[in-house]
């Protein structure tokens, strides 16, 4: 299956599951292919045939964007260099959860979350430690008796009851011994913090020299600016008051800039953010809801209210952000 066909299949699957799905981000370089939202769940998805192509820089950018936009970064892929991805298993690359299309279908369409995750050494599951302790005590088994049945140390059993995860084989043996379900799902939509790779989110990238005047304006009028590295927008700008978040781009108004502005509007609709594209010379006022503002005009903005009003006036062809 080609990558384009895979992306289209994933987009169709998400739409069938009730997600609002953005346009495909067809501008390079890019950290994510599409954004999607269902209720309060927001996803940033990278879709690959071979997940070995997913590098650390892209993973770091996806985690940063997920933090800024309150979204879960996810990779959907078919295989690694050595094997097909197994259904029902969550993998991780550079701190980002990775699912096969079948696992994504189960999670988003059937609403059946995965129970297994891959980590160095094999496949593991989350053991519900309280249930394990209860069924062992109901059986009137000591820690030593259970350890003997499993062929492990008493200390290992104690760790299971303290919350340590178990291999798939041990979990299956425990459930056979007690004839009870003992595993809990991997919380992919909450970021799977309990099992993800322990990789800190990298710091924001440096601001490009040509973007410094725009960053200065956003900072002066009360926004916290987060520069991006591989996104269709140059920065995510956050305000603690009612002005919310604004995606911003900046360049001459070329055909590529118009594509970026269109993608920004689509992503903004999904992530409930406004978008503005600063251009050197104003030829039109908006691109599908992304407001266009001339650089000199931007530099003369006095406060966040002026910026909000200008964005809303010029981006009025997009429905109000919920």
Protein backbone atom coordinates (compact mmCIF):
# COMPACT_ATOMS: atom_id res chain seq x y z
CA UNK A 1 0.00 0.00 0.00
CA UNK A 2 1.35 3.44 -0.92
CA UNK A 3 1.77 6.02 1.82
CA UNK A 4 -0.84 8.28 0.18
CA UNK A 5 -3.38 5.46 0.19
CA UNK A 6 -2.55 4.70 3.82
CA UNK A 7 -3.11 8.35 4.80
CA UNK A 8 -6.44 8.41 2.97
CA UNK A 9 -7.53 5.18 4.67
CA UNK A 10 -6.66 6.55 8.11
CA UNK A 11 -8.50 9.80 7.41
CA UNK A 12 -11.59 7.87 6.30
CA UNK A 13 -11.40 5.63 9.37
CA UNK A 14 -11.25 8.64 11.71
CA UNK A 15 -14.18 10.32 9.95
CA UNK A 16 -16.19 7.09 10.30
CA UNK A 17 -15.34 7.17 14.02
CA UNK A 18 -16.83 10.65 14.35
CA UNK A 19 -13.66 12.74 14.25
CA UNK A 20 -13.36 16.13 12.61
CA UNK A 21 -10.26 15.66 10.43
CA UNK A 22 -8.04 18.42 9.05
CA UNK A 23 -6.72 18.64 5.53
CA UNK A 24 -3.54 16.69 4.95
CA UNK A 25 -0.39 18.72 5.70
CA UNK A 26 1.30 18.49 2.32
CA UNK A 27 4.08 21.01 3.07
CA UNK A 28 7.58 19.82 3.93
CA UNK A 29 9.21 19.55 6.37
CA UNK A 30 6.34 18.35 8.52
CA UNK A 31 6.07 16.64 11.87
CA UNK A 32 2.44 15.52 11.48
CA UNK A 33 0.18 14.65 8.56
CA UNK A 34 -3.28 15.40 9.95
CA UNK A 35 -5.00 16.69 13.07
CA UNK A 36 -8.29 15.22 14.29
CA UNK A 37 -10.77 15.94 17.07
CA UNK A 38 -13.68 14.07 18.63
CA UNK A 39 -15.17 15.84 21.62
CA UNK A 40 -12.27 16.85 23.82
CA UNK A 41 -9.85 14.31 22.30
CA UNK A 42 -7.43 15.99 19.90
CA UNK A 43 -4.88 13.96 17.90
CA UNK A 44 -1.81 14.90 15.88
CA UNK A 45 -1.07 11.96 13.59
CA UNK A 46 1.97 10.94 11.59
CA UNK A 47 1.21 8.13 9.14
CA UNK A 48 4.04 5.96 7.80
CA UNK A 49 4.53 2.68 6.02
CA UNK A 50 7.80 1.98 7.85
CA UNK A 51 7.95 3.54 11.32
CA UNK A 52 11.75 3.38 11.29
CA UNK A 53 11.53 6.59 9.24
CA UNK A 54 10.18 8.38 12.33
CA UNK A 55 13.20 10.22 13.76
CA UNK A 56 13.96 11.86 17.11
CA UNK A 57 13.61 15.41 15.79
CA UNK A 58 10.11 14.73 14.49
CA UNK A 59 9.15 12.93 17.69
CA UNK A 60 10.32 15.87 19.78
CA UNK A 61 8.38 18.34 17.66
CA UNK A 62 5.20 16.25 17.86
CA UNK A 63 5.47 16.08 21.65
CA UNK A 64 6.01 19.85 21.84
CA UNK A 65 3.01 20.55 19.62
CA UNK A 66 0.94 18.10 21.62
CA UNK A 67 1.77 20.03 24.78
CA UNK A 68 0.93 23.43 23.24
CA UNK A 69 -2.31 22.29 21.58
CA UNK A 70 -3.48 19.87 24.29
CA UNK A 71 -3.30 17.04 21.77
CA UNK A 72 -2.04 13.45 21.79
CA UNK A 73 0.72 12.77 19.24
CA UNK A 74 0.31 9.37 17.58
CA UNK A 75 2.08 7.51 14.78
CA UNK A 76 0.10 5.01 12.69
CA UNK A 77 2.30 2.63 10.71
CA UNK A 78 2.44 -0.75 9.06
CA UNK A 79 5.83 -2.20 9.91
CA UNK A 80 9.41 -1.80 11.00
CA UNK A 81 12.34 -2.83 8.88
CA UNK A 82 12.12 -6.32 10.41
CA UNK A 83 8.45 -7.07 11.05
CA UNK A 84 4.82 -6.07 10.70
CA UNK A 85 3.32 -4.22 13.64
CA UNK A 86 1.16 -6.54 15.72
CA UNK A 87 -2.55 -5.74 16.22
CA UNK A 88 -3.56 -4.81 19.75
CA UNK A 89 -0.06 -3.62 20.69
CA UNK A 90 1.12 -0.07 21.42
CA UNK A 91 4.71 0.58 20.33
CA UNK A 92 6.77 3.67 21.09
CA UNK A 93 9.21 5.71 19.04
CA UNK A 94 10.91 8.73 20.59
CA UNK A 95 8.23 9.01 23.27
CA UNK A 96 5.29 8.87 20.85
CA UNK A 97 2.76 5.98 20.83
CA UNK A 98 2.72 3.96 17.61
CA UNK A 99 -0.28 1.90 16.46
CA UNK A 100 -0.99 -0.37 13.52
CA UNK A 101 -4.09 0.52 11.45
CA UNK A 102 -5.91 -2.46 13.00
CA UNK A 103 -5.09 -1.26 16.52
CA UNK A 104 -6.22 2.26 15.59
CA UNK A 105 -9.46 0.84 14.17
CA UNK A 106 -10.13 -1.06 17.40
CA UNK A 107 -9.37 2.01 19.51
CA UNK A 108 -11.20 4.72 17.57
CA UNK A 109 -14.03 2.87 15.82
CA UNK A 110 -14.74 -0.10 18.09
CA UNK A 111 -13.61 1.82 21.21
CA UNK A 112 -11.60 -1.18 22.39
CA UNK A 113 -8.27 0.08 23.77
CA UNK A 114 -5.09 -1.99 23.44
CA UNK A 115 -3.92 -4.04 26.40
CA UNK A 116 -0.32 -4.71 25.34
CA UNK A 117 2.65 -2.40 24.83
CA UNK A 118 6.11 -3.08 23.47
CA UNK A 119 9.19 -2.12 25.48
CA UNK A 120 12.82 -3.26 25.56
CA UNK A 121 12.75 -6.96 26.33
CA UNK A 122 9.37 -7.85 24.87
CA UNK A 123 5.64 -7.26 25.21
CA UNK A 124 4.07 -6.15 28.47
CA UNK A 125 0.68 -5.43 30.03
CA UNK A 126 -0.55 -3.25 32.86
CA UNK A 127 -1.48 -5.44 35.83
CA UNK A 128 -4.29 -4.14 38.02
CA UNK A 129 -2.35 -4.47 41.25
CA UNK A 130 -5.35 -4.09 43.57
CA UNK A 131 -7.31 -6.84 41.85
CA UNK A 132 -4.25 -9.11 41.88
CA UNK A 133 -3.80 -8.62 45.63
CA UNK A 134 -7.52 -9.20 46.25
CA UNK A 135 -7.75 -12.45 44.28
CA UNK A 136 -4.56 -13.78 45.86
CA UNK A 137 -5.89 -13.05 49.34
CA UNK A 138 -9.30 -14.51 48.46
CA UNK A 139 -7.50 -17.69 47.43
CA UNK A 140 -5.61 -17.49 50.76
CA UNK A 141 -2.29 -17.70 48.96
CA UNK A 142 0.85 -16.14 50.36
CA UNK A 143 3.23 -14.12 48.21
CA UNK A 144 5.58 -17.10 48.38
CA UNK A 145 2.91 -19.54 47.17
CA UNK A 146 2.10 -17.36 44.15
CA UNK A 147 5.78 -16.86 43.44
CA UNK A 148 6.28 -20.64 43.40
CA UNK A 149 3.33 -21.12 41.02
CA UNK A 150 4.79 -18.53 38.64
CA UNK A 151 8.39 -19.63 38.99
CA UNK A 152 9.54 -16.16 40.07
CA UNK A 153 10.82 -14.62 43.30
CA UNK A 154 8.59 -13.47 46.14
CA UNK A 155 9.98 -9.95 45.58
CA UNK A 156 8.80 -10.00 41.97
CA UNK A 157 5.24 -10.89 43.01
CA UNK A 158 5.37 -8.09 45.57
CA UNK A 159 6.37 -5.67 42.79
CA UNK A 160 3.41 -6.80 40.66
CA UNK A 161 1.13 -5.92 43.57
CA UNK A 162 2.93 -2.58 43.92
CA UNK A 163 2.14 -1.70 40.31
CA UNK A 164 4.99 -3.18 38.24
CA UNK A 165 3.86 -4.33 34.80
CA UNK A 166 4.25 -7.95 33.70
CA UNK A 167 5.19 -9.70 30.51
CA UNK A 168 2.36 -11.02 28.38
CA UNK A 169 3.30 -14.57 29.33
CA UNK A 170 3.21 -13.88 33.09
CA UNK A 171 -0.07 -11.95 32.79
CA UNK A 172 -1.67 -14.85 30.91
CA UNK A 173 -0.44 -17.31 33.55
CA UNK A 174 -1.84 -15.10 36.34
CA UNK A 175 -5.24 -14.92 34.68
CA UNK A 176 -5.25 -18.69 34.18
CA UNK A 177 -4.33 -19.28 37.82
CA UNK A 178 -7.08 -17.07 39.22
CA UNK A 179 -9.58 -17.35 36.35
CA UNK A 180 -10.05 -13.56 36.45
CA UNK A 181 -9.14 -10.59 34.21
CA UNK A 182 -6.19 -8.77 35.76
CA UNK A 183 -5.01 -6.42 33.01
CA UNK A 184 -5.95 -2.79 32.37
CA UNK A 185 -5.83 -0.94 29.01
CA UNK A 186 -2.97 1.25 27.81
CA UNK A 187 -4.25 4.84 28.02
CA UNK A 188 -3.19 5.99 24.57
CA UNK A 189 -5.38 9.11 24.48
CA UNK A 190 -3.91 10.34 27.74
CA UNK A 191 -0.45 10.00 26.27
CA UNK A 192 0.30 6.61 27.87
CA UNK A 193 2.51 8.34 30.43
CA UNK A 194 2.72 5.24 32.60
CA UNK A 195 4.47 3.19 29.91
CA UNK A 196 5.96 5.68 27.44
CA UNK A 197 9.67 6.02 26.86
CA UNK A 198 11.23 8.25 29.48
CA UNK A 199 12.21 10.98 27.03
CA UNK A 200 11.88 14.61 28.16
CA UNK A 201 10.25 16.97 25.69
CA UNK A 202 13.00 19.04 24.01
CA UNK A 203 13.19 22.78 24.48
CA UNK A 204 11.61 25.10 21.92
CA UNK A 205 13.75 25.67 18.80
CA UNK A 206 15.39 29.05 18.22
CA UNK A 207 13.44 31.77 16.46
CA UNK A 208 14.51 32.33 12.86
CA UNK A 209 16.03 35.82 12.43
CA UNK A 210 13.38 36.81 9.86
CA UNK A 211 10.62 35.94 12.34
CA UNK A 212 11.99 37.90 15.30
CA UNK A 213 9.93 41.08 14.60
CA UNK A 214 6.71 39.01 14.61
CA UNK A 215 7.70 37.22 17.82
CA UNK A 216 8.44 40.62 19.37
CA UNK A 217 4.92 41.82 18.59
CA UNK A 218 3.25 38.73 20.07
CA UNK A 219 5.40 38.98 23.19
CA UNK A 220 4.73 42.72 23.58
CA UNK A 221 0.96 42.27 23.49
CA UNK A 222 0.96 39.51 26.09
CA UNK A 223 1.39 36.17 24.30
CA UNK A 224 3.78 33.38 25.19
CA UNK A 225 5.45 32.38 21.93
CA UNK A 226 6.38 28.77 21.12
CA UNK A 227 8.43 28.57 17.90
CA UNK A 228 7.98 25.41 15.85
CA UNK A 229 10.43 23.38 13.80
CA UNK A 230 8.44 21.11 11.48
CA UNK A 231 4.92 22.48 11.27
CA UNK A 232 2.89 24.40 8.66
CA UNK A 233 2.95 27.39 11.06
CA UNK A 234 5.96 29.21 12.52
CA UNK A 235 4.70 29.45 16.09
CA UNK A 236 1.94 28.63 18.55
CA UNK A 237 1.13 31.76 20.56
CA UNK A 238 -0.68 31.40 23.87
CA UNK A 239 -2.53 33.98 25.93
CA UNK A 240 -3.72 33.25 29.45
CA UNK A 241 -6.84 35.40 29.01
CA UNK A 242 -9.81 35.10 26.65
CA UNK A 243 -7.67 35.63 23.58
CA UNK A 244 -6.65 31.96 23.59
CA UNK A 245 -4.21 30.53 21.08
CA UNK A 246 -3.11 31.81 17.68
CA UNK A 247 -1.17 29.87 15.04
CA UNK A 248 1.14 32.21 13.15
CA UNK A 249 3.04 32.05 9.88
CA UNK A 250 5.26 34.57 8.13
CA UNK A 251 6.73 34.90 4.63
CA UNK A 252 6.19 36.52 1.28
CA UNK A 253 2.77 35.61 -0.09
CA UNK A 254 3.71 32.86 -2.52
CA UNK A 255 1.83 29.79 -3.69
CA UNK A 256 3.49 27.82 -0.91
CA UNK A 257 2.47 30.47 1.65
CA UNK A 258 -1.12 30.19 0.45
CA UNK A 259 -1.00 26.41 0.95
CA UNK A 260 0.40 26.89 4.44
CA UNK A 261 -2.33 29.39 5.33
CA UNK A 262 -5.00 26.98 4.08
CA UNK A 263 -3.57 24.13 6.18
CA UNK A 264 -3.32 26.44 9.21
CA UNK A 265 -7.03 27.24 8.92
CA UNK A 266 -7.93 23.55 8.71
CA UNK A 267 -5.69 22.58 11.64
CA UNK A 268 -6.97 25.56 13.60
CA UNK A 269 -10.56 24.42 13.13
CA UNK A 270 -9.65 21.04 14.62
CA UNK A 271 -7.55 22.42 17.50
CA UNK A 272 -9.92 25.35 18.19
CA UNK A 273 -7.31 28.00 17.52
CA UNK A 274 -7.25 31.12 15.35
CA UNK A 275 -4.61 31.55 12.68
CA UNK A 276 -2.81 34.52 11.15
CA UNK A 277 -0.28 34.73 8.35
CA UNK A 278 1.98 37.78 8.22
CA UNK A 279 2.98 38.74 4.67
CA UNK A 280 5.32 41.32 3.23
CA UNK A 281 2.66 42.75 0.92
CA UNK A 282 -1.10 42.37 1.37
CA UNK A 283 -2.91 41.15 -1.77
CA UNK A 284 -6.00 39.71 -0.09
CA UNK A 285 -7.40 39.60 3.42
CA UNK A 286 -7.66 35.88 4.18
CA UNK A 287 -7.15 32.32 3.01
CA UNK A 288 -10.04 30.09 4.07
CA UNK A 289 -10.23 31.61 7.54
CA UNK A 290 -6.55 32.37 8.10
CA UNK A 291 -6.28 36.15 8.40
CA UNK A 292 -3.56 37.82 6.32
CA UNK A 293 -1.81 40.81 7.87
CA UNK A 294 0.92 42.94 6.33
CA UNK A 295 4.18 42.94 8.31
CA UNK A 296 4.16 46.71 8.91
CA UNK A 297 0.52 46.54 9.99
CA UNK A 298 1.38 43.72 12.43
CA UNK A 299 4.20 45.74 13.97
CA UNK A 300 1.78 48.62 14.64
CA UNK A 301 -0.72 46.47 16.60
CA UNK A 302 -1.02 47.86 20.12
CA UNK A 303 -2.64 45.08 22.12
CA UNK A 304 -4.20 41.61 21.98
CA UNK A 305 -7.69 43.00 21.46
CA UNK A 306 -6.59 44.78 18.27
CA UNK A 307 -5.05 41.55 16.98
CA UNK A 308 -8.13 39.50 17.87
CA UNK A 309 -10.47 41.94 16.16
CA UNK A 310 -8.31 42.01 13.04
CA UNK A 311 -8.10 38.22 12.87
CA UNK A 312 -11.84 37.83 13.36
CA UNK A 313 -12.66 40.51 10.81
CA UNK A 314 -10.41 39.08 8.11
CA UNK A 315 -10.96 35.44 8.97
CA UNK A 316 -14.73 35.73 9.17
CA UNK A 317 -15.24 33.17 6.39
CA UNK A 318 -14.43 30.46 8.95
CA UNK A 319 -17.03 29.51 11.53
CA UNK A 320 -16.52 30.78 15.06
CA UNK A 321 -14.11 28.61 17.05
CA UNK A 322 -16.07 26.59 19.62
